[in-house]
């Protein structure tokens, strides 16, 4: 019997779900460009230092409950959230920026199940890797379902020590991304 992943039955967004002002959209894009290095097609790892600490959670769909708790611990802290797919190519970013259909930039209430709808939509329309910003841009969550989640936190985590001791089985690209974050916070 195969396990069914949670987002398979999630409905995707439509145009009426997205209600952002032009100022909100610009704030999302400005924060996004601060963290993404389009020239080298990777994160600006050192720019994440504006956050006190960051941690990651490995995700291989083997423990949906653990993943759910990790995500909802983040989203329940804020009145609303912004989500945008992660791309490292400037042309793809411009396509996202100029697109008028969902789920380009999503604003969701964090106190209901709307987050699952946003996530399902981002996974359906894109590779599934996306970043979620808090309403005041003081917090973030990077989601790459089936691989890892990264978020800022207020306490130091030992997940990085376990990464360096090879206690996780990641794809090379995922390991490189996580090591980039680890080096920035050493």
N, C-alpha and C. Protein backbone atom coordinates (compact mmCIF):
# COMPACT_ATOMS: atom_id res chain seq x y z
N UNK A 1 0.85 -1.18 0.00
CA UNK A 1 0.00 0.00 0.00
C UNK A 1 0.89 1.24 0.00
N UNK A 2 0.69 2.13 -0.94
CA UNK A 2 1.53 3.32 -1.00
C UNK A 2 0.89 4.45 -0.19
N UNK A 3 1.75 5.20 0.47
CA UNK A 3 1.27 6.33 1.26
C UNK A 3 0.94 7.48 0.32
N UNK A 4 -0.13 8.17 0.63
CA UNK A 4 -0.55 9.30 -0.19
C UNK A 4 -0.05 10.57 0.47
N UNK A 5 0.66 11.41 -0.26
CA UNK A 5 1.16 12.63 0.32
C UNK A 5 0.04 13.64 0.49
N UNK A 6 0.18 14.48 1.50
CA UNK A 6 -0.92 15.34 1.94
C UNK A 6 -1.38 16.33 0.88
N UNK A 7 -0.51 16.76 -0.02
CA UNK A 7 -0.90 17.83 -0.94
C UNK A 7 -1.60 17.34 -2.20
N UNK A 8 -1.76 16.04 -2.38
CA UNK A 8 -2.37 15.53 -3.61
C UNK A 8 -3.82 15.98 -3.79
N UNK A 9 -4.55 16.13 -2.70
CA UNK A 9 -5.96 16.51 -2.80
C UNK A 9 -6.19 17.99 -2.52
N UNK A 10 -5.12 18.76 -2.39
CA UNK A 10 -5.28 20.17 -2.07
C UNK A 10 -5.71 20.94 -3.30
N UNK A 11 -6.71 21.77 -3.13
CA UNK A 11 -7.16 22.61 -4.24
C UNK A 11 -6.17 23.75 -4.43
N UNK A 12 -5.97 24.15 -5.68
CA UNK A 12 -5.05 25.24 -5.94
C UNK A 12 -5.79 26.57 -5.88
N UNK A 13 -5.01 27.63 -5.85
CA UNK A 13 -5.56 28.97 -5.73
C UNK A 13 -6.15 29.45 -7.05
N UNK A 14 -7.03 30.42 -6.92
CA UNK A 14 -7.51 31.11 -8.11
C UNK A 14 -7.34 32.61 -7.89
N UNK A 15 -7.66 33.42 -8.89
CA UNK A 15 -7.39 34.85 -8.81
C UNK A 15 -8.09 35.54 -7.64
N UNK A 16 -9.22 35.05 -7.23
CA UNK A 16 -9.95 35.70 -6.14
C UNK A 16 -9.29 35.44 -4.78
N UNK A 17 -8.36 34.51 -4.72
CA UNK A 17 -7.68 34.22 -3.46
C UNK A 17 -6.56 35.21 -3.16
N UNK A 18 -6.14 35.99 -4.13
CA UNK A 18 -4.96 36.83 -3.97
C UNK A 18 -5.38 38.29 -3.95
N UNK A 19 -5.19 38.91 -2.82
CA UNK A 19 -5.55 40.30 -2.66
C UNK A 19 -4.37 41.04 -2.04
N UNK A 20 -3.45 41.49 -2.87
CA UNK A 20 -2.28 42.21 -2.40
C UNK A 20 -2.24 43.60 -2.98
N UNK A 21 -1.80 44.54 -2.17
CA UNK A 21 -1.59 45.89 -2.68
C UNK A 21 -0.26 45.92 -3.42
N UNK A 22 -0.06 46.94 -4.23
CA UNK A 22 1.20 47.06 -4.96
C UNK A 22 2.37 47.25 -4.01
N UNK A 23 2.15 47.90 -2.88
CA UNK A 23 3.21 48.08 -1.88
C UNK A 23 3.60 46.73 -1.28
N UNK A 24 2.62 45.89 -0.98
CA UNK A 24 2.92 44.56 -0.45
C UNK A 24 3.73 43.74 -1.44
N UNK A 25 3.34 43.79 -2.70
CA UNK A 25 4.06 43.04 -3.72
C UNK A 25 5.50 43.51 -3.82
N UNK A 26 5.72 44.82 -3.82
CA UNK A 26 7.09 45.35 -3.88
C UNK A 26 7.91 44.94 -2.66
N UNK A 27 7.29 44.96 -1.47
CA UNK A 27 8.00 44.52 -0.26
C UNK A 27 8.42 43.06 -0.36
N UNK A 28 7.54 42.23 -0.89
CA UNK A 28 7.87 40.81 -1.06
C UNK A 28 9.05 40.67 -2.01
N UNK A 29 8.99 41.35 -3.15
CA UNK A 29 10.06 41.24 -4.14
C UNK A 29 11.37 41.82 -3.62
N UNK A 30 11.32 42.91 -2.87
CA UNK A 30 12.55 43.50 -2.32
C UNK A 30 13.21 42.54 -1.33
N UNK A 31 12.43 41.95 -0.45
CA UNK A 31 12.98 40.99 0.51
C UNK A 31 13.51 39.75 -0.20
N UNK A 32 12.81 39.33 -1.22
CA UNK A 32 13.22 38.16 -2.01
C UNK A 32 14.57 38.41 -2.67
N UNK A 33 14.71 39.56 -3.34
CA UNK A 33 15.96 39.88 -4.05
C UNK A 33 17.13 40.06 -3.09
N UNK A 34 16.86 40.42 -1.85
CA UNK A 34 17.90 40.55 -0.83
C UNK A 34 18.50 39.18 -0.47
N UNK A 35 17.71 38.13 -0.64
CA UNK A 35 18.14 36.79 -0.23
C UNK A 35 18.58 35.89 -1.39
N UNK A 36 18.25 36.25 -2.62
CA UNK A 36 18.56 35.41 -3.79
C UNK A 36 19.63 36.07 -4.65
N UNK A 37 20.70 35.34 -4.92
CA UNK A 37 21.79 35.81 -5.76
C UNK A 37 21.56 35.26 -7.18
N UNK A 38 20.97 36.09 -8.04
CA UNK A 38 20.65 35.64 -9.40
C UNK A 38 21.91 35.42 -10.24
N UNK A 39 22.95 36.22 -9.99
CA UNK A 39 24.18 36.10 -10.78
C UNK A 39 24.85 34.74 -10.58
N UNK A 40 24.88 34.27 -9.34
CA UNK A 40 25.53 32.98 -9.05
C UNK A 40 24.52 31.84 -8.89
N UNK A 41 23.24 32.16 -9.05
CA UNK A 41 22.15 31.19 -8.94
C UNK A 41 22.21 30.38 -7.64
N UNK A 42 22.25 31.13 -6.54
CA UNK A 42 22.22 30.53 -5.21
C UNK A 42 21.72 31.59 -4.22
N UNK A 43 21.60 31.21 -2.97
CA UNK A 43 21.19 32.16 -1.94
C UNK A 43 22.33 33.10 -1.60
N UNK A 44 21.98 34.31 -1.14
CA UNK A 44 22.94 35.20 -0.49
C UNK A 44 22.99 34.74 0.97
N UNK A 45 23.75 33.72 1.24
CA UNK A 45 23.75 33.11 2.58
C UNK A 45 24.05 34.13 3.67
N UNK A 46 25.01 35.02 3.44
CA UNK A 46 25.37 35.99 4.48
C UNK A 46 24.25 36.98 4.76
N UNK A 47 23.38 37.24 3.79
CA UNK A 47 22.26 38.15 4.03
C UNK A 47 21.24 37.56 5.00
N UNK A 48 21.26 36.25 5.17
CA UNK A 48 20.36 35.63 6.14
C UNK A 48 20.81 35.89 7.57
N UNK A 49 21.99 36.47 7.74
CA UNK A 49 22.48 36.77 9.09
C UNK A 49 21.64 37.82 9.79
N UNK A 50 20.78 38.50 9.05
CA UNK A 50 19.89 39.46 9.71
C UNK A 50 18.93 38.75 10.66
N UNK A 51 18.79 37.45 10.49
CA UNK A 51 17.98 36.64 11.39
C UNK A 51 18.91 36.08 12.48
N UNK A 52 18.40 35.95 13.69
CA UNK A 52 19.24 35.53 14.81
C UNK A 52 19.85 34.14 14.59
N UNK A 53 19.01 33.16 14.37
CA UNK A 53 19.47 31.80 14.09
C UNK A 53 18.58 31.20 13.00
N UNK A 54 19.07 30.17 12.35
CA UNK A 54 18.22 29.39 11.46
C UNK A 54 18.44 27.92 11.74
N UNK A 55 17.41 27.15 11.43
CA UNK A 55 17.47 25.71 11.62
C UNK A 55 16.82 25.05 10.41
N UNK A 56 17.04 23.76 10.26
CA UNK A 56 16.39 23.05 9.18
C UNK A 56 15.78 21.76 9.72
N UNK A 57 14.86 21.25 8.95
CA UNK A 57 14.23 19.96 9.24
C UNK A 57 14.32 19.14 7.96
N UNK A 58 14.89 17.95 8.07
CA UNK A 58 14.92 17.07 6.90
C UNK A 58 13.51 16.55 6.67
N UNK A 59 13.16 16.32 5.42
CA UNK A 59 11.79 15.89 5.11
C UNK A 59 11.82 14.89 3.97
N UNK A 60 11.42 13.68 4.25
CA UNK A 60 11.33 12.66 3.19
C UNK A 60 9.92 12.06 3.15
N UNK A 61 8.96 12.77 3.68
CA UNK A 61 7.56 12.35 3.75
C UNK A 61 7.35 11.16 4.69
N UNK A 62 8.37 10.78 5.45
CA UNK A 62 8.21 9.62 6.32
C UNK A 62 7.51 9.96 7.63
N UNK A 63 7.50 11.24 7.99
CA UNK A 63 6.86 11.63 9.24
C UNK A 63 6.06 12.91 9.00
N UNK A 64 4.89 12.75 8.42
CA UNK A 64 4.03 13.89 8.09
C UNK A 64 3.65 14.71 9.31
N UNK A 65 3.46 14.04 10.43
CA UNK A 65 3.05 14.73 11.65
C UNK A 65 4.16 15.68 12.12
N UNK A 66 5.39 15.22 12.08
CA UNK A 66 6.54 16.05 12.49
C UNK A 66 6.66 17.26 11.56
N UNK A 67 6.51 17.03 10.27
CA UNK A 67 6.59 18.11 9.30
C UNK A 67 5.47 19.11 9.52
N UNK A 68 4.26 18.61 9.72
CA UNK A 68 3.11 19.47 9.99
C UNK A 68 3.35 20.36 11.20
N UNK A 69 3.84 19.79 12.28
CA UNK A 69 4.12 20.56 13.49
C UNK A 69 5.16 21.64 13.23
N UNK A 70 6.18 21.30 12.48
CA UNK A 70 7.26 22.24 12.17
C UNK A 70 6.72 23.44 11.40
N UNK A 71 5.90 23.17 10.39
CA UNK A 71 5.33 24.24 9.57
C UNK A 71 4.35 25.07 10.39
N UNK A 72 3.44 24.41 11.07
CA UNK A 72 2.40 25.15 11.79
C UNK A 72 2.94 25.90 12.99
N UNK A 73 4.05 25.44 13.57
CA UNK A 73 4.70 26.20 14.63
C UNK A 73 5.15 27.56 14.10
N UNK A 74 5.57 27.58 12.85
CA UNK A 74 5.98 28.84 12.21
C UNK A 74 4.77 29.70 11.86
N UNK A 75 3.80 29.14 11.15
CA UNK A 75 2.73 29.98 10.59
C UNK A 75 1.75 30.49 11.64
N UNK A 76 1.62 29.81 12.76
CA UNK A 76 0.63 30.25 13.75
C UNK A 76 1.05 31.53 14.48
N UNK A 77 2.31 31.93 14.32
CA UNK A 77 2.82 33.10 15.03
C UNK A 77 2.42 34.42 14.38
N UNK A 78 1.88 34.38 13.17
CA UNK A 78 1.68 35.60 12.40
C UNK A 78 0.23 35.73 11.94
N UNK A 79 -0.19 36.98 11.73
CA UNK A 79 -1.55 37.22 11.25
C UNK A 79 -1.71 36.79 9.80
N UNK A 80 -0.70 37.05 9.00
CA UNK A 80 -0.75 36.62 7.61
C UNK A 80 0.67 36.40 7.11
N UNK A 81 0.77 35.77 5.96
CA UNK A 81 2.05 35.36 5.39
C UNK A 81 2.07 35.66 3.90
N UNK A 82 3.27 35.80 3.37
CA UNK A 82 3.46 35.93 1.93
C UNK A 82 4.29 34.74 1.46
N UNK A 83 3.93 34.15 0.35
CA UNK A 83 4.69 33.03 -0.20
C UNK A 83 5.00 33.31 -1.67
N UNK A 84 6.19 32.89 -2.09
CA UNK A 84 6.61 33.09 -3.48
C UNK A 84 7.53 31.94 -3.86
N UNK A 85 7.41 31.43 -5.08
CA UNK A 85 8.30 30.34 -5.50
C UNK A 85 9.75 30.81 -5.55
N UNK A 86 10.67 29.91 -5.28
CA UNK A 86 12.09 30.23 -5.35
C UNK A 86 12.62 29.85 -6.72
N UNK A 87 13.19 30.84 -7.38
CA UNK A 87 13.89 30.62 -8.65
C UNK A 87 15.22 31.36 -8.54
N UNK A 88 16.24 30.82 -9.18
CA UNK A 88 17.57 31.44 -9.10
C UNK A 88 17.99 32.07 -10.42
N UNK A 89 17.10 32.09 -11.37
CA UNK A 89 17.37 32.67 -12.68
C UNK A 89 16.59 33.98 -12.78
N UNK A 90 17.27 35.06 -13.16
CA UNK A 90 16.63 36.36 -13.19
C UNK A 90 15.47 36.42 -14.18
N UNK A 91 15.60 35.75 -15.32
CA UNK A 91 14.51 35.73 -16.30
C UNK A 91 13.27 35.05 -15.72
N UNK A 92 13.47 33.95 -15.01
CA UNK A 92 12.34 33.27 -14.36
C UNK A 92 11.71 34.17 -13.30
N UNK A 93 12.55 34.91 -12.58
CA UNK A 93 12.05 35.84 -11.58
C UNK A 93 11.19 36.92 -12.24
N UNK A 94 11.66 37.46 -13.36
CA UNK A 94 10.89 38.47 -14.08
C UNK A 94 9.56 37.89 -14.56
N UNK A 95 9.55 36.64 -14.99
CA UNK A 95 8.30 35.99 -15.39
C UNK A 95 7.35 35.91 -14.21
N UNK A 96 7.87 35.56 -13.05
CA UNK A 96 7.03 35.51 -11.85
C UNK A 96 6.50 36.90 -11.53
N UNK A 97 7.38 37.87 -11.58
CA UNK A 97 7.02 39.24 -11.22
C UNK A 97 5.95 39.82 -12.15
N UNK A 98 6.00 39.46 -13.42
CA UNK A 98 5.08 40.04 -14.40
C UNK A 98 3.85 39.18 -14.66
N UNK A 99 3.79 38.02 -14.05
CA UNK A 99 2.66 37.11 -14.26
C UNK A 99 1.44 37.63 -13.50
N UNK A 100 0.27 37.36 -14.03
CA UNK A 100 -0.95 37.86 -13.39
C UNK A 100 -1.84 36.73 -12.89
N UNK A 101 -1.38 35.49 -12.99
CA UNK A 101 -2.20 34.39 -12.48
C UNK A 101 -1.58 33.86 -11.19
N UNK A 102 -2.38 33.24 -10.35
CA UNK A 102 -1.80 32.66 -9.14
C UNK A 102 -0.93 31.49 -9.50
N UNK A 103 -0.10 31.09 -8.66
CA UNK A 103 0.19 31.54 -7.31
C UNK A 103 1.50 32.32 -7.24
N UNK A 104 1.59 33.42 -7.92
CA UNK A 104 2.84 34.16 -8.01
C UNK A 104 3.29 34.66 -6.65
N UNK A 105 2.54 35.53 -6.06
CA UNK A 105 2.78 35.93 -4.68
C UNK A 105 1.49 35.67 -3.95
N UNK A 106 1.59 34.96 -2.86
CA UNK A 106 0.39 34.57 -2.14
C UNK A 106 0.37 35.26 -0.80
N UNK A 107 -0.77 35.80 -0.44
CA UNK A 107 -0.96 36.32 0.89
C UNK A 107 -2.01 35.44 1.54
N UNK A 108 -1.68 34.86 2.66
CA UNK A 108 -2.65 33.98 3.29
C UNK A 108 -2.78 34.29 4.76
N UNK A 109 -3.96 34.05 5.29
CA UNK A 109 -4.16 34.10 6.73
C UNK A 109 -3.47 32.88 7.32
N UNK A 110 -2.85 33.06 8.46
CA UNK A 110 -2.11 31.94 9.03
C UNK A 110 -2.91 31.18 10.08
N UNK A 111 -4.14 31.57 10.30
CA UNK A 111 -4.91 30.92 11.36
C UNK A 111 -5.95 29.94 10.82
N UNK A 112 -5.80 29.52 9.59
CA UNK A 112 -6.73 28.54 9.03
C UNK A 112 -6.01 27.60 8.08
N UNK A 113 -6.72 26.78 7.38
CA UNK A 113 -6.10 25.78 6.52
C UNK A 113 -5.71 26.33 5.15
N UNK A 114 -5.80 27.63 4.98
CA UNK A 114 -5.47 28.25 3.71
C UNK A 114 -4.02 27.99 3.31
N UNK A 115 -3.13 27.81 4.30
CA UNK A 115 -1.72 27.55 4.01
C UNK A 115 -1.56 26.29 3.16
N UNK A 116 -2.33 25.25 3.46
CA UNK A 116 -2.25 24.03 2.66
C UNK A 116 -2.65 24.29 1.21
N UNK A 117 -3.64 25.15 1.03
CA UNK A 117 -4.06 25.49 -0.33
C UNK A 117 -2.94 26.23 -1.05
N UNK A 118 -2.28 27.15 -0.35
CA UNK A 118 -1.16 27.87 -0.95
C UNK A 118 -0.03 26.92 -1.30
N UNK A 119 0.28 26.04 -0.38
CA UNK A 119 1.37 25.08 -0.59
C UNK A 119 1.05 24.16 -1.76
N UNK A 120 -0.14 23.64 -1.79
CA UNK A 120 -0.54 22.76 -2.88
C UNK A 120 -0.46 23.47 -4.21
N UNK A 121 -0.82 24.74 -4.23
CA UNK A 121 -0.78 25.51 -5.45
C UNK A 121 0.66 25.74 -5.90
N UNK A 122 1.54 26.09 -4.97
CA UNK A 122 2.94 26.31 -5.33
C UNK A 122 3.59 25.03 -5.82
N UNK A 123 3.25 23.92 -5.22
CA UNK A 123 3.80 22.64 -5.67
C UNK A 123 3.25 22.28 -7.04
N UNK A 124 1.99 22.56 -7.29
CA UNK A 124 1.38 22.24 -8.58
C UNK A 124 1.96 23.08 -9.71
N UNK A 125 2.18 24.36 -9.46
CA UNK A 125 2.60 25.26 -10.52
C UNK A 125 4.11 25.36 -10.68
N UNK A 126 4.85 25.06 -9.63
CA UNK A 126 6.30 25.22 -9.66
C UNK A 126 6.94 23.93 -9.17
N UNK A 127 8.24 23.98 -8.94
CA UNK A 127 8.96 22.79 -8.48
C UNK A 127 8.60 22.44 -7.06
N UNK A 128 7.96 23.35 -6.37
CA UNK A 128 7.59 23.11 -4.99
C UNK A 128 8.47 23.83 -4.01
N UNK A 129 9.60 24.37 -4.45
CA UNK A 129 10.47 25.11 -3.53
C UNK A 129 9.97 26.55 -3.46
N UNK A 130 9.70 27.01 -2.26
CA UNK A 130 9.20 28.37 -2.11
C UNK A 130 9.61 28.93 -0.76
N UNK A 131 9.49 30.24 -0.64
CA UNK A 131 9.80 30.91 0.62
C UNK A 131 8.54 31.59 1.12
N UNK A 132 8.36 31.53 2.42
CA UNK A 132 7.24 32.18 3.09
C UNK A 132 7.81 33.25 4.00
N UNK A 133 7.32 34.48 3.86
CA UNK A 133 7.72 35.57 4.74
C UNK A 133 6.60 35.86 5.72
N UNK A 134 6.97 36.25 6.93
CA UNK A 134 5.96 36.70 7.90
C UNK A 134 5.44 38.06 7.47
N UNK A 135 4.34 38.47 8.08
CA UNK A 135 3.69 39.72 7.71
C UNK A 135 4.61 40.93 7.82
N UNK A 136 5.56 40.92 8.76
CA UNK A 136 6.48 42.05 8.93
C UNK A 136 7.88 41.77 8.36
N UNK A 137 8.04 40.65 7.68
CA UNK A 137 9.29 40.23 7.04
C UNK A 137 10.41 39.97 8.05
N UNK A 138 10.06 39.77 9.31
CA UNK A 138 11.07 39.48 10.33
C UNK A 138 11.37 37.99 10.42
N UNK A 139 10.57 37.17 9.76
CA UNK A 139 10.75 35.72 9.80
C UNK A 139 10.53 35.12 8.42
N UNK A 140 11.11 33.95 8.21
CA UNK A 140 10.94 33.27 6.93
C UNK A 140 10.92 31.76 7.15
N UNK A 141 10.37 31.08 6.17
CA UNK A 141 10.40 29.62 6.10
C UNK A 141 10.66 29.27 4.64
N UNK A 142 11.72 28.52 4.38
CA UNK A 142 11.97 28.00 3.04
C UNK A 142 11.45 26.58 3.02
N UNK A 143 10.60 26.28 2.08
CA UNK A 143 10.01 24.94 1.99
C UNK A 143 10.44 24.28 0.69
N UNK A 144 10.99 23.11 0.83
CA UNK A 144 11.27 22.25 -0.32
C UNK A 144 10.74 20.88 0.08
N UNK A 145 9.40 20.71 -0.01
CA UNK A 145 8.77 19.48 0.48
C UNK A 145 9.41 18.23 -0.11
N UNK A 146 9.62 17.25 0.76
CA UNK A 146 10.28 16.02 0.36
C UNK A 146 11.79 16.10 0.49
N UNK A 147 12.31 17.27 0.81
CA UNK A 147 13.75 17.48 0.94
C UNK A 147 14.09 18.09 2.30
N UNK A 148 13.67 19.36 2.50
CA UNK A 148 13.97 20.05 3.76
C UNK A 148 13.08 21.28 3.91
N UNK A 149 13.06 21.78 5.14
CA UNK A 149 12.46 23.06 5.47
C UNK A 149 13.51 23.83 6.26
N UNK A 150 13.61 25.12 6.03
CA UNK A 150 14.56 25.97 6.75
C UNK A 150 13.76 27.15 7.28
N UNK A 151 13.98 27.51 8.53
CA UNK A 151 13.31 28.68 9.09
C UNK A 151 14.21 29.35 10.10
N UNK A 152 13.91 30.63 10.35
CA UNK A 152 14.65 31.30 11.40
C UNK A 152 14.04 30.94 12.75
N UNK A 153 14.85 31.04 13.76
CA UNK A 153 14.42 30.69 15.11
C UNK A 153 15.12 31.60 16.10
N UNK A 154 14.69 31.58 17.34
CA UNK A 154 15.32 32.44 18.34
C UNK A 154 16.33 31.69 19.21
N UNK A 155 16.56 30.43 18.91
CA UNK A 155 17.55 29.67 19.69
C UNK A 155 18.43 28.84 18.76
N UNK A 156 19.62 28.59 19.22
CA UNK A 156 20.57 27.81 18.43
C UNK A 156 20.11 26.36 18.36
N UNK A 157 20.27 25.75 17.20
CA UNK A 157 19.83 24.38 16.99
C UNK A 157 21.05 23.49 16.73
N UNK A 158 20.96 22.24 17.18
CA UNK A 158 22.07 21.32 16.94
C UNK A 158 21.91 20.56 15.61
N UNK A 159 20.93 20.92 14.81
CA UNK A 159 20.75 20.24 13.52
C UNK A 159 21.97 20.42 12.63
N UNK A 160 22.68 21.53 12.77
CA UNK A 160 23.86 21.79 11.94
C UNK A 160 24.99 20.83 12.30
N UNK A 161 25.16 20.53 13.58
CA UNK A 161 26.18 19.55 13.98
C UNK A 161 25.89 18.19 13.36
N UNK A 162 24.62 17.82 13.36
CA UNK A 162 24.24 16.53 12.77
C UNK A 162 24.47 16.53 11.26
N UNK A 163 24.30 17.69 10.63
CA UNK A 163 24.57 17.79 9.19
C UNK A 163 26.05 17.55 8.91
N UNK A 164 26.93 18.19 9.69
CA UNK A 164 28.37 18.03 9.49
C UNK A 164 28.85 16.62 9.80
N UNK A 165 28.14 15.93 10.66
CA UNK A 165 28.56 14.55 10.99
C UNK A 165 27.88 13.53 10.07
N UNK A 166 27.26 14.03 8.98
CA UNK A 166 26.65 13.17 7.95
C UNK A 166 25.58 12.23 8.50
N UNK A 167 24.77 12.73 9.42
CA UNK A 167 23.69 11.90 9.96
C UNK A 167 22.42 11.99 9.10
N UNK A 168 22.50 12.77 8.03
CA UNK A 168 21.38 12.91 7.11
C UNK A 168 21.78 12.39 5.74
N UNK A 169 20.81 11.91 5.01
CA UNK A 169 21.05 11.42 3.66
C UNK A 169 20.37 12.38 2.68
N UNK A 170 21.12 13.40 2.22
CA UNK A 170 20.59 14.41 1.32
C UNK A 170 21.17 14.23 -0.08
N UNK A 171 20.42 14.73 -1.07
CA UNK A 171 20.99 14.87 -2.41
C UNK A 171 22.13 15.89 -2.33
N UNK A 172 23.08 15.80 -3.25
CA UNK A 172 24.23 16.70 -3.21
C UNK A 172 23.81 18.17 -3.26
N UNK A 173 22.84 18.50 -4.13
CA UNK A 173 22.41 19.89 -4.23
C UNK A 173 21.82 20.36 -2.89
N UNK A 174 20.98 19.55 -2.28
CA UNK A 174 20.38 19.92 -1.00
C UNK A 174 21.45 20.08 0.07
N UNK A 175 22.40 19.17 0.11
CA UNK A 175 23.49 19.26 1.09
C UNK A 175 24.29 20.55 0.88
N UNK A 176 24.56 20.91 -0.38
CA UNK A 176 25.30 22.15 -0.66
C UNK A 176 24.54 23.38 -0.16
N UNK A 177 23.24 23.40 -0.36
CA UNK A 177 22.42 24.51 0.13
C UNK A 177 22.50 24.58 1.65
N UNK A 178 22.28 23.47 2.31
CA UNK A 178 22.31 23.45 3.77
C UNK A 178 23.69 23.81 4.31
N UNK A 179 24.75 23.35 3.67
CA UNK A 179 26.10 23.70 4.10
C UNK A 179 26.37 25.19 3.91
N UNK A 180 25.80 25.79 2.87
CA UNK A 180 25.92 27.23 2.67
C UNK A 180 25.32 28.00 3.83
N UNK A 181 24.15 27.57 4.28
CA UNK A 181 23.53 28.20 5.45
C UNK A 181 24.36 27.95 6.70
N UNK A 182 24.84 26.74 6.87
CA UNK A 182 25.62 26.39 8.06
C UNK A 182 26.89 27.24 8.15
N UNK A 183 27.57 27.43 7.03
CA UNK A 183 28.80 28.23 7.02
C UNK A 183 28.51 29.68 7.40
N UNK A 184 27.39 30.22 6.95
CA UNK A 184 27.03 31.60 7.26
C UNK A 184 26.75 31.80 8.74
N UNK A 185 26.37 30.73 9.43
CA UNK A 185 26.00 30.85 10.84
C UNK A 185 27.00 30.19 11.78
N UNK A 186 28.18 29.87 11.30
CA UNK A 186 29.22 29.28 12.17
C UNK A 186 29.88 30.33 12.99
